[in-house]
Every structure is written in C-alpha cells, then in structure tokens.
PDB file of all heavy atoms in Angstrom:
ATOM      1  N   LEU A   1       8.926  -6.399  -3.331  1.00  0.00           N
ATOM      2  CA  LEU A   1       8.961  -5.319  -4.314  1.00  0.00           C
ATOM      3  C   LEU A   1       7.598  -5.222  -4.980  1.00  0.00           C
ATOM      4  O   LEU A   1       7.045  -6.241  -5.426  1.00  0.00           O
ATOM      5  CB  LEU A   1      10.036  -5.607  -5.373  1.00  0.00           C
ATOM      6  CG  LEU A   1      10.139  -4.612  -6.537  1.00  0.00           C
ATOM      7  CD1 LEU A   1      10.680  -3.273  -6.050  1.00  0.00           C
ATOM      8  CD2 LEU A   1      11.032  -5.176  -7.647  1.00  0.00           C
ATOM      9  N   ILE A   2       7.040  -4.016  -5.014  1.00  0.00           N
ATOM     10  CA  ILE A   2       5.842  -3.723  -5.800  1.00  0.00           C
ATOM     11  C   ILE A   2       6.266  -2.724  -6.866  1.00  0.00           C
ATOM     12  O   ILE A   2       6.747  -1.634  -6.550  1.00  0.00           O
ATOM     13  CB  ILE A   2       4.706  -3.140  -4.945  1.00  0.00           C
ATOM     14  CG1 ILE A   2       4.313  -4.115  -3.830  1.00  0.00           C
ATOM     15  CG2 ILE A   2       3.493  -2.816  -5.816  1.00  0.00           C
ATOM     16  CD1 ILE A   2       3.273  -3.567  -2.867  1.00  0.00           C
ATOM     17  N   CYS A   3       6.104  -3.110  -8.108  1.00  0.00           N
ATOM     18  CA  CYS A   3       6.707  -2.343  -9.189  1.00  0.00           C
ATOM     19  C   CYS A   3       5.695  -2.159 -10.314  1.00  0.00           C
ATOM     20  O   CYS A   3       4.815  -2.990 -10.526  1.00  0.00           O
ATOM     21  CB  CYS A   3       7.935  -3.108  -9.695  1.00  0.00           C
ATOM     22  SG  CYS A   3       9.102  -2.141 -10.624  1.00  0.00           S
ATOM     23  N   GLY A   4       5.818  -1.060 -11.060  1.00  0.00           N
ATOM     24  CA  GLY A   4       4.954  -0.839 -12.210  1.00  0.00           C
ATOM     25  C   GLY A   4       4.888   0.617 -12.599  1.00  0.00           C
ATOM     26  O   GLY A   4       5.196   1.512 -11.805  1.00  0.00           O
ATOM     27  N   ALA A   5       4.486   0.863 -13.827  1.00  0.00           N
ATOM     28  CA  ALA A   5       4.396   2.227 -14.334  1.00  0.00           C
ATOM     29  C   ALA A   5       3.273   2.983 -13.627  1.00  0.00           C
ATOM     30  O   ALA A   5       2.387   2.393 -13.002  1.00  0.00           O
ATOM     31  CB  ALA A   5       4.159   2.199 -15.845  1.00  0.00           C
ATOM     32  N   THR A   6       3.307   4.308 -13.756  1.00  0.00           N
ATOM     33  CA  THR A   6       2.265   5.146 -13.177  1.00  0.00           C
ATOM     34  C   THR A   6       0.893   4.752 -13.723  1.00  0.00           C
ATOM     35  O   THR A   6       0.723   4.561 -14.925  1.00  0.00           O
ATOM     36  CB  THR A   6       2.547   6.621 -13.498  1.00  0.00           C
ATOM     37  OG1 THR A   6       3.820   6.983 -12.944  1.00  0.00           O
ATOM     38  CG2 THR A   6       1.472   7.522 -12.918  1.00  0.00           C
ATOM     39  N   GLY A   7      -0.090   4.615 -12.820  1.00  0.00           N
ATOM     40  CA  GLY A   7      -1.450   4.319 -13.234  1.00  0.00           C
ATOM     41  C   GLY A   7      -1.764   2.864 -13.461  1.00  0.00           C
ATOM     42  O   GLY A   7      -2.866   2.537 -13.930  1.00  0.00           O
ATOM     43  N   THR A   8      -0.864   1.956 -13.114  1.00  0.00           N
ATOM     44  CA  THR A   8      -1.110   0.529 -13.360  1.00  0.00           C
ATOM     45  C   THR A   8      -1.696  -0.193 -12.154  1.00  0.00           C
ATOM     46  O   THR A   8      -2.055  -1.367 -12.255  1.00  0.00           O
ATOM     47  CB  THR A   8       0.192  -0.178 -13.781  1.00  0.00           C
ATOM     48  OG1 THR A   8       1.187   0.012 -12.763  1.00  0.00           O
ATOM     49  CG2 THR A   8       0.711   0.377 -15.100  1.00  0.00           C
ATOM     50  N   GLY A   9      -1.781   0.483 -11.004  1.00  0.00           N
ATOM     51  CA  GLY A   9      -2.442  -0.106  -9.846  1.00  0.00           C
ATOM     52  C   GLY A   9      -1.551  -0.514  -8.703  1.00  0.00           C
ATOM     53  O   GLY A   9      -2.014  -1.151  -7.756  1.00  0.00           O
ATOM     54  N   LYS A  10      -0.274  -0.121  -8.724  1.00  0.00           N
ATOM     55  CA  LYS A  10       0.617  -0.599  -7.666  1.00  0.00           C
ATOM     56  C   LYS A  10       0.264  -0.011  -6.302  1.00  0.00           C
ATOM     57  O   LYS A  10       0.425  -0.673  -5.274  1.00  0.00           O
ATOM     58  CB  LYS A  10       2.082  -0.335  -8.013  1.00  0.00           C
ATOM     59  CG  LYS A  10       2.495   1.098  -8.190  1.00  0.00           C
ATOM     60  CD  LYS A  10       3.975   1.179  -8.546  1.00  0.00           C
ATOM     61  CE  LYS A  10       4.447   2.629  -8.693  1.00  0.00           C
ATOM     62  NZ  LYS A  10       3.821   3.292  -9.851  1.00  0.00           N
ATOM     63  N   THR A  11      -0.260   1.242  -6.269  1.00  0.00           N
ATOM     64  CA  THR A  11      -0.635   1.832  -4.988  1.00  0.00           C
ATOM     65  C   THR A  11      -1.851   1.133  -4.399  1.00  0.00           C
ATOM     66  O   THR A  11      -1.960   0.972  -3.180  1.00  0.00           O
ATOM     67  CB  THR A  11      -0.909   3.341  -5.149  1.00  0.00           C
ATOM     68  OG1 THR A  11       0.261   3.978  -5.685  1.00  0.00           O
ATOM     69  CG2 THR A  11      -1.233   3.979  -3.812  1.00  0.00           C
ATOM     70  N   VAL A  12      -2.786   0.707  -5.247  1.00  0.00           N
ATOM     71  CA  VAL A  12      -3.948  -0.043  -4.760  1.00  0.00           C
ATOM     72  C   VAL A  12      -3.501  -1.405  -4.224  1.00  0.00           C
ATOM     73  O   VAL A  12      -4.012  -1.886  -3.207  1.00  0.00           O
ATOM     74  CB  VAL A  12      -4.994  -0.202  -5.883  1.00  0.00           C
ATOM     75  CG1 VAL A  12      -6.168  -1.049  -5.394  1.00  0.00           C
ATOM     76  CG2 VAL A  12      -5.487   1.167  -6.348  1.00  0.00           C
ATOM     77  N   THR A  13      -2.533  -2.031  -4.880  1.00  0.00           N
ATOM     78  CA  THR A  13      -1.984  -3.292  -4.377  1.00  0.00           C
ATOM     79  C   THR A  13      -1.343  -3.091  -3.016  1.00  0.00           C
ATOM     80  O   THR A  13      -1.541  -3.885  -2.091  1.00  0.00           O
ATOM     81  CB  THR A  13      -0.949  -3.848  -5.375  1.00  0.00           C
ATOM     82  OG1 THR A  13      -1.586  -4.086  -6.627  1.00  0.00           O
ATOM     83  CG2 THR A  13      -0.325  -5.130  -4.866  1.00  0.00           C
ATOM     84  N   LEU A  14      -0.572  -2.033  -2.875  1.00  0.00           N
ATOM     85  CA  LEU A  14       0.038  -1.700  -1.582  1.00  0.00           C
ATOM     86  C   LEU A  14      -1.053  -1.554  -0.526  1.00  0.00           C
ATOM     87  O   LEU A  14      -0.940  -2.094   0.582  1.00  0.00           O
ATOM     88  CB  LEU A  14       0.839  -0.406  -1.723  1.00  0.00           C
ATOM     89  CG  LEU A  14       1.563   0.181  -0.511  1.00  0.00           C
ATOM     90  CD1 LEU A  14       2.680   1.108  -0.976  1.00  0.00           C
ATOM     91  CD2 LEU A  14       0.633   0.970   0.399  1.00  0.00           C
ATOM     92  N   ARG A  15      -2.115  -0.814  -0.855  1.00  0.00           N
ATOM     93  CA  ARG A  15      -3.208  -0.566   0.084  1.00  0.00           C
ATOM     94  C   ARG A  15      -3.828  -1.885   0.563  1.00  0.00           C
ATOM     95  O   ARG A  15      -4.030  -2.090   1.768  1.00  0.00           O
ATOM     96  CB  ARG A  15      -4.269   0.299  -0.598  1.00  0.00           C
ATOM     97  CG  ARG A  15      -5.518   0.543   0.245  1.00  0.00           C
ATOM     98  CD  ARG A  15      -6.609   1.152  -0.612  1.00  0.00           C
ATOM     99  NE  ARG A  15      -6.231   2.458  -1.089  1.00  0.00           N
ATOM    100  CZ  ARG A  15      -6.473   3.595  -0.434  1.00  0.00           C
ATOM    101  NH1 ARG A  15      -7.111   3.565   0.723  1.00  0.00           N
ATOM    102  NH2 ARG A  15      -6.109   4.756  -0.942  1.00  0.00           N
ATOM    103  N   TYR A  16      -4.122  -2.774  -0.375  1.00  0.00           N
ATOM    104  CA  TYR A  16      -4.756  -4.040  -0.003  1.00  0.00           C
ATOM    105  C   TYR A  16      -3.835  -4.879   0.881  1.00  0.00           C
ATOM    106  O   TYR A  16      -4.277  -5.485   1.871  1.00  0.00           O
ATOM    107  CB  TYR A  16      -5.135  -4.821  -1.265  1.00  0.00           C
ATOM    108  CG  TYR A  16      -5.615  -6.212  -0.965  1.00  0.00           C
ATOM    109  CD1 TYR A  16      -6.852  -6.427  -0.352  1.00  0.00           C
ATOM    110  CD2 TYR A  16      -4.819  -7.321  -1.258  1.00  0.00           C
ATOM    111  CE1 TYR A  16      -7.285  -7.713  -0.051  1.00  0.00           C
ATOM    112  CE2 TYR A  16      -5.252  -8.603  -0.964  1.00  0.00           C
ATOM    113  CZ  TYR A  16      -6.480  -8.796  -0.360  1.00  0.00           C
ATOM    114  OH  TYR A  16      -6.911 -10.061  -0.055  1.00  0.00           O
ATOM    115  N   LEU A  17      -2.557  -4.911   0.553  1.00  0.00           N
ATOM    116  CA  LEU A  17      -1.614  -5.697   1.336  1.00  0.00           C
ATOM    117  C   LEU A  17      -1.503  -5.151   2.762  1.00  0.00           C
ATOM    118  O   LEU A  17      -1.455  -5.919   3.742  1.00  0.00           O
ATOM    119  CB  LEU A  17      -0.247  -5.688   0.645  1.00  0.00           C
ATOM    120  CG  LEU A  17       0.807  -6.683   1.113  1.00  0.00           C
ATOM    121  CD1 LEU A  17       0.254  -8.097   1.186  1.00  0.00           C
ATOM    122  CD2 LEU A  17       2.022  -6.624   0.196  1.00  0.00           C
ATOM    123  N   VAL A  18      -1.499  -3.833   2.905  1.00  0.00           N
ATOM    124  CA  VAL A  18      -1.460  -3.204   4.233  1.00  0.00           C
ATOM    125  C   VAL A  18      -2.711  -3.561   5.025  1.00  0.00           C
ATOM    126  O   VAL A  18      -2.646  -3.876   6.229  1.00  0.00           O
ATOM    127  CB  VAL A  18      -1.308  -1.677   4.091  1.00  0.00           C
ATOM    128  CG1 VAL A  18      -1.549  -0.969   5.429  1.00  0.00           C
ATOM    129  CG2 VAL A  18       0.075  -1.325   3.558  1.00  0.00           C
ATOM    130  N   GLU A  19      -3.868  -3.526   4.374  1.00  0.00           N
ATOM    131  CA  GLU A  19      -5.113  -3.896   5.048  1.00  0.00           C
ATOM    132  C   GLU A  19      -5.057  -5.326   5.580  1.00  0.00           C
ATOM    133  O   GLU A  19      -5.448  -5.605   6.722  1.00  0.00           O
ATOM    134  CB  GLU A  19      -6.286  -3.775   4.073  1.00  0.00           C
ATOM    135  CG  GLU A  19      -6.621  -2.368   3.638  1.00  0.00           C
ATOM    136  CD  GLU A  19      -7.706  -2.349   2.573  1.00  0.00           C
ATOM    137  OE1 GLU A  19      -8.188  -3.434   2.161  1.00  0.00           O
ATOM    138  OE2 GLU A  19      -8.085  -1.242   2.143  1.00  0.00           O
ATOM    139  N   GLN A  20      -4.558  -6.223   4.754  1.00  0.00           N
ATOM    140  CA  GLN A  20      -4.511  -7.626   5.149  1.00  0.00           C
ATOM    141  C   GLN A  20      -3.539  -7.869   6.303  1.00  0.00           C
ATOM    142  O   GLN A  20      -3.801  -8.699   7.185  1.00  0.00           O
ATOM    143  CB  GLN A  20      -4.142  -8.495   3.942  1.00  0.00           C
ATOM    144  CG  GLN A  20      -5.233  -8.575   2.891  1.00  0.00           C
ATOM    145  CD  GLN A  20      -6.527  -9.130   3.441  1.00  0.00           C
ATOM    146  OE1 GLN A  20      -6.542 -10.211   4.029  1.00  0.00           O
ATOM    147  NE2 GLN A  20      -7.616  -8.396   3.284  1.00  0.00           N
ATOM    148  N   LEU A  21      -2.446  -7.163   6.325  1.00  0.00           N
ATOM    149  CA  LEU A  21      -1.514  -7.285   7.451  1.00  0.00           C
ATOM    150  C   LEU A  21      -2.146  -6.746   8.725  1.00  0.00           C
ATOM    151  O   LEU A  21      -1.956  -7.304   9.812  1.00  0.00           O
ATOM    152  CB  LEU A  21      -0.216  -6.547   7.130  1.00  0.00           C
ATOM    153  CG  LEU A  21       0.653  -7.206   6.061  1.00  0.00           C
ATOM    154  CD1 LEU A  21       1.786  -6.278   5.637  1.00  0.00           C
ATOM    155  CD2 LEU A  21       1.214  -8.535   6.542  1.00  0.00           C
ATOM    156  N   ASN A  22      -2.919  -5.677   8.606  1.00  0.00           N
ATOM    157  CA  ASN A  22      -3.597  -5.145   9.785  1.00  0.00           C
ATOM    158  C   ASN A  22      -4.616  -6.140  10.323  1.00  0.00           C
ATOM    159  O   ASN A  22      -4.768  -6.294  11.542  1.00  0.00           O
ATOM    160  CB  ASN A  22      -4.282  -3.822   9.445  1.00  0.00           C
ATOM    161  CG  ASN A  22      -4.933  -3.188  10.661  1.00  0.00           C
ATOM    162  OD1 ASN A  22      -6.142  -3.317  10.872  1.00  0.00           O
ATOM    163  ND2 ASN A  22      -4.140  -2.532  11.480  1.00  0.00           N
ATOM    164  N   ARG A  23      -5.329  -6.830   9.440  1.00  0.00           N
ATOM    165  CA  ARG A  23      -6.279  -7.857   9.881  1.00  0.00           C
ATOM    166  C   ARG A  23      -5.566  -8.966  10.655  1.00  0.00           C
ATOM    167  O   ARG A  23      -6.188  -9.653  11.474  1.00  0.00           O
ATOM    168  CB  ARG A  23      -7.012  -8.455   8.684  1.00  0.00           C
ATOM    169  CG  ARG A  23      -7.999  -7.493   7.995  1.00  0.00           C
ATOM    170  CD  ARG A  23      -8.693  -8.219   6.861  1.00  0.00           C
ATOM    171  NE  ARG A  23      -9.529  -7.344   6.064  1.00  0.00           N
ATOM    172  CZ  ARG A  23     -10.787  -7.017   6.348  1.00  0.00           C
ATOM    173  NH1 ARG A  23     -11.344  -7.494   7.447  1.00  0.00           N
ATOM    174  NH2 ARG A  23     -11.485  -6.237   5.539  1.00  0.00           N
ATOM    175  N   ARG A  24      -4.292  -9.134  10.419  1.00  0.00           N
ATOM    176  CA  ARG A  24      -3.502 -10.164  11.107  1.00  0.00           C
ATOM    177  C   ARG A  24      -2.722  -9.585  12.279  1.00  0.00           C
ATOM    178  O   ARG A  24      -1.817 -10.226  12.809  1.00  0.00           O
ATOM    179  CB  ARG A  24      -2.558 -10.836  10.093  1.00  0.00           C
ATOM    180  CG  ARG A  24      -3.320 -11.723   9.112  1.00  0.00           C
ATOM    181  CD  ARG A  24      -2.566 -11.914   7.803  1.00  0.00           C
ATOM    182  NE  ARG A  24      -3.294 -12.823   6.911  1.00  0.00           N
ATOM    183  CZ  ARG A  24      -4.370 -12.468   6.202  1.00  0.00           C
ATOM    184  NH1 ARG A  24      -4.817 -11.215   6.255  1.00  0.00           N
ATOM    185  NH2 ARG A  24      -4.988 -13.332   5.420  1.00  0.00           N
ATOM    186  N   ASN A  25      -3.071  -8.358  12.666  1.00  0.00           N
ATOM    187  CA  ASN A  25      -2.467  -7.693  13.824  1.00  0.00           C
ATOM    188  C   ASN A  25      -0.968  -7.465  13.659  1.00  0.00           C
ATOM    189  O   ASN A  25      -0.206  -7.480  14.630  1.00  0.00           O
ATOM    190  CB  ASN A  25      -2.737  -8.474  15.116  1.00  0.00           C
ATOM    191  CG  ASN A  25      -2.628  -7.591  16.353  1.00  0.00           C
ATOM    192  OD1 ASN A  25      -3.036  -6.430  16.338  1.00  0.00           O
ATOM    193  ND2 ASN A  25      -2.051  -8.120  17.424  1.00  0.00           N
ATOM    194  N   ILE A  26      -0.535  -7.256  12.414  1.00  0.00           N
ATOM    195  CA  ILE A  26       0.865  -6.939  12.128  1.00  0.00           C
ATOM    196  C   ILE A  26       0.961  -5.451  11.815  1.00  0.00           C
ATOM    197  O   ILE A  26       0.268  -4.948  10.923  1.00  0.00           O
ATOM    198  CB  ILE A  26       1.385  -7.778  10.943  1.00  0.00           C
ATOM    199  CG1 ILE A  26       1.350  -9.263  11.300  1.00  0.00           C
ATOM    200  CG2 ILE A  26       2.807  -7.354  10.556  1.00  0.00           C
ATOM    201  CD1 ILE A  26       1.621 -10.187  10.122  1.00  0.00           C
ATOM    202  N   ALA A  27       1.794  -4.744  12.552  1.00  0.00           N
ATOM    203  CA  ALA A  27       1.927  -3.304  12.371  1.00  0.00           C
ATOM    204  C   ALA A  27       2.616  -2.978  11.050  1.00  0.00           C
ATOM    205  O   ALA A  27       3.474  -3.737  10.576  1.00  0.00           O
ATOM    206  CB  ALA A  27       2.718  -2.690  13.530  1.00  0.00           C
ATOM    207  N   THR A  28       2.237  -1.856  10.463  1.00  0.00           N
ATOM    208  CA  THR A  28       2.854  -1.418   9.214  1.00  0.00           C
ATOM    209  C   THR A  28       3.175   0.067   9.303  1.00  0.00           C
ATOM    210  O   THR A  28       2.484   0.831   9.984  1.00  0.00           O
ATOM    211  CB  THR A  28       1.917  -1.645   8.010  1.00  0.00           C
ATOM    212  OG1 THR A  28       0.638  -1.049   8.273  1.00  0.00           O
ATOM    213  CG2 THR A  28       1.735  -3.116   7.732  1.00  0.00           C
ATOM    214  N   LEU A  29       4.216   0.460   8.615  1.00  0.00           N
ATOM    215  CA  LEU A  29       4.551   1.879   8.409  1.00  0.00           C
ATOM    216  C   LEU A  29       4.630   2.095   6.912  1.00  0.00           C
ATOM    217  O   LEU A  29       5.431   1.449   6.220  1.00  0.00           O
ATOM    218  CB  LEU A  29       5.876   2.245   9.070  1.00  0.00           C
ATOM    219  CG  LEU A  29       6.402   3.655   8.734  1.00  0.00           C
ATOM    220  CD1 LEU A  29       5.457   4.728   9.257  1.00  0.00           C
ATOM    221  CD2 LEU A  29       7.806   3.877   9.279  1.00  0.00           C
ATOM    222  N   VAL A  30       3.790   2.991   6.408  1.00  0.00           N
ATOM    223  CA  VAL A  30       3.690   3.253   4.977  1.00  0.00           C
ATOM    224  C   VAL A  30       4.083   4.698   4.718  1.00  0.00           C
ATOM    225  O   VAL A  30       3.534   5.611   5.338  1.00  0.00           O
ATOM    226  CB  VAL A  30       2.251   3.011   4.467  1.00  0.00           C
ATOM    227  CG1 VAL A  30       2.194   3.139   2.952  1.00  0.00           C
ATOM    228  CG2 VAL A  30       1.730   1.665   4.927  1.00  0.00           C
ATOM    229  N   THR A  31       5.028   4.916   3.831  1.00  0.00           N
ATOM    230  CA  THR A  31       5.365   6.282   3.440  1.00  0.00           C
ATOM    231  C   THR A  31       4.592   6.619   2.171  1.00  0.00           C
ATOM    232  O   THR A  31       4.481   5.806   1.258  1.00  0.00           O
ATOM    233  CB  THR A  31       6.873   6.448   3.201  1.00  0.00           C
ATOM    234  OG1 THR A  31       7.286   5.632   2.106  1.00  0.00           O
ATOM    235  CG2 THR A  31       7.663   6.069   4.448  1.00  0.00           C
ATOM    236  N   ASP A  32       4.038   7.818   2.147  1.00  0.00           N
ATOM    237  CA  ASP A  32       3.102   8.212   1.098  1.00  0.00           C
ATOM    238  C   ASP A  32       3.536   9.552   0.515  1.00  0.00           C
ATOM    239  O   ASP A  32       3.259  10.603   1.087  1.00  0.00           O
ATOM    240  CB  ASP A  32       1.696   8.304   1.704  1.00  0.00           C
ATOM    241  CG  ASP A  32       0.633   8.708   0.701  1.00  0.00           C
ATOM    242  OD1 ASP A  32       0.910   8.649  -0.507  1.00  0.00           O
ATOM    243  OD2 ASP A  32      -0.476   9.072   1.136  1.00  0.00           O
ATOM    244  N   LEU A  33       4.212   9.496  -0.631  1.00  0.00           N
ATOM    245  CA  LEU A  33       4.717  10.743  -1.240  1.00  0.00           C
ATOM    246  C   LEU A  33       3.646  11.489  -2.019  1.00  0.00           C
ATOM    247  O   LEU A  33       3.801  12.678  -2.279  1.00  0.00           O
ATOM    248  CB  LEU A  33       5.897  10.429  -2.164  1.00  0.00           C
ATOM    249  CG  LEU A  33       7.280  10.644  -1.568  1.00  0.00           C
ATOM    250  CD1 LEU A  33       8.356  10.345  -2.595  1.00  0.00           C
ATOM    251  CD2 LEU A  33       7.454  12.067  -1.063  1.00  0.00           C
ATOM    252  N   LYS A  34       2.588  10.817  -2.401  1.00  0.00           N
ATOM    253  CA  LYS A  34       1.542  11.488  -3.178  1.00  0.00           C
ATOM    254  C   LYS A  34       0.391  11.966  -2.298  1.00  0.00           C
ATOM    255  O   LYS A  34      -0.489  12.694  -2.768  1.00  0.00           O
ATOM    256  CB  LYS A  34       1.025  10.551  -4.268  1.00  0.00           C
ATOM    257  CG  LYS A  34       2.091  10.164  -5.297  1.00  0.00           C
ATOM    258  CD  LYS A  34       1.562   9.238  -6.362  1.00  0.00           C
ATOM    259  CE  LYS A  34       1.354   7.833  -5.846  1.00  0.00           C
ATOM    260  NZ  LYS A  34       2.609   7.135  -5.515  1.00  0.00           N
ATOM    261  N   GLY A  35       0.348  11.549  -1.062  1.00  0.00           N
ATOM    262  CA  GLY A  35      -0.691  12.001  -0.151  1.00  0.00           C
ATOM    263  C   GLY A  35      -2.059  11.422  -0.444  1.00  0.00           C
ATOM    264  O   GLY A  35      -3.074  12.063  -0.136  1.00  0.00           O
ATOM    265  N   ASP A  36      -2.142  10.206  -0.996  1.00  0.00           N
ATOM    266  CA  ASP A  36      -3.442   9.659  -1.399  1.00  0.00           C
ATOM    267  C   ASP A  36      -3.823   8.368  -0.683  1.00  0.00           C
ATOM    268  O   ASP A  36      -4.709   7.653  -1.131  1.00  0.00           O
ATOM    269  CB  ASP A  36      -3.483   9.441  -2.914  1.00  0.00           C
ATOM    270  CG  ASP A  36      -2.359   8.533  -3.413  1.00  0.00           C
ATOM    271  OD1 ASP A  36      -1.585   8.029  -2.577  1.00  0.00           O
ATOM    272  OD2 ASP A  36      -2.258   8.352  -4.639  1.00  0.00           O
ATOM    273  N   LEU A  37      -3.176   8.059   0.450  1.00  0.00           N
ATOM    274  CA  LEU A  37      -3.467   6.805   1.143  1.00  0.00           C
ATOM    275  C   LEU A  37      -4.212   6.979   2.462  1.00  0.00           C
ATOM    276  O   LEU A  37      -4.503   5.989   3.135  1.00  0.00           O
ATOM    277  CB  LEU A  37      -2.170   6.032   1.396  1.00  0.00           C
ATOM    278  CG  LEU A  37      -1.562   5.333   0.177  1.00  0.00           C
ATOM    279  CD1 LEU A  37      -0.174   4.809   0.500  1.00  0.00           C
ATOM    280  CD2 LEU A  37      -2.454   4.192  -0.298  1.00  0.00           C
ATOM    281  N   SER A  38      -4.537   8.204   2.838  1.00  0.00           N
ATOM    282  CA  SER A  38      -5.201   8.423   4.128  1.00  0.00           C
ATOM    283  C   SER A  38      -6.589   7.808   4.167  1.00  0.00           C
ATOM    284  O   SER A  38      -7.145   7.574   5.248  1.00  0.00           O
ATOM    285  CB  SER A  38      -5.285   9.927   4.441  1.00  0.00           C
ATOM    286  OG  SER A  38      -5.967  10.618   3.409  1.00  0.00           O
TER     287      SER A  38
END
C-alpha cells in the first residue's frame, strides 16, 4: 500500500519503486489516472 494526501509524494514513490523493479528485470503494470507517469 502506498498512501497519502494529494501532493505528499506518493506518485514519486510509486515511480521510484517501479524503476527499481525494472532494474531487477521484474515486469510491472502501472495504471495512471492523472496521465503524469509517461
């Protein structure tokens, strides 16, 4: 669970965690309702 109010950094945390999983050759599927993760 990644949780927090708007503007507290949870999307950046999600981004970093996805990057690290990719470095370990683990596939990820991320849904992006705000359109800001491309």
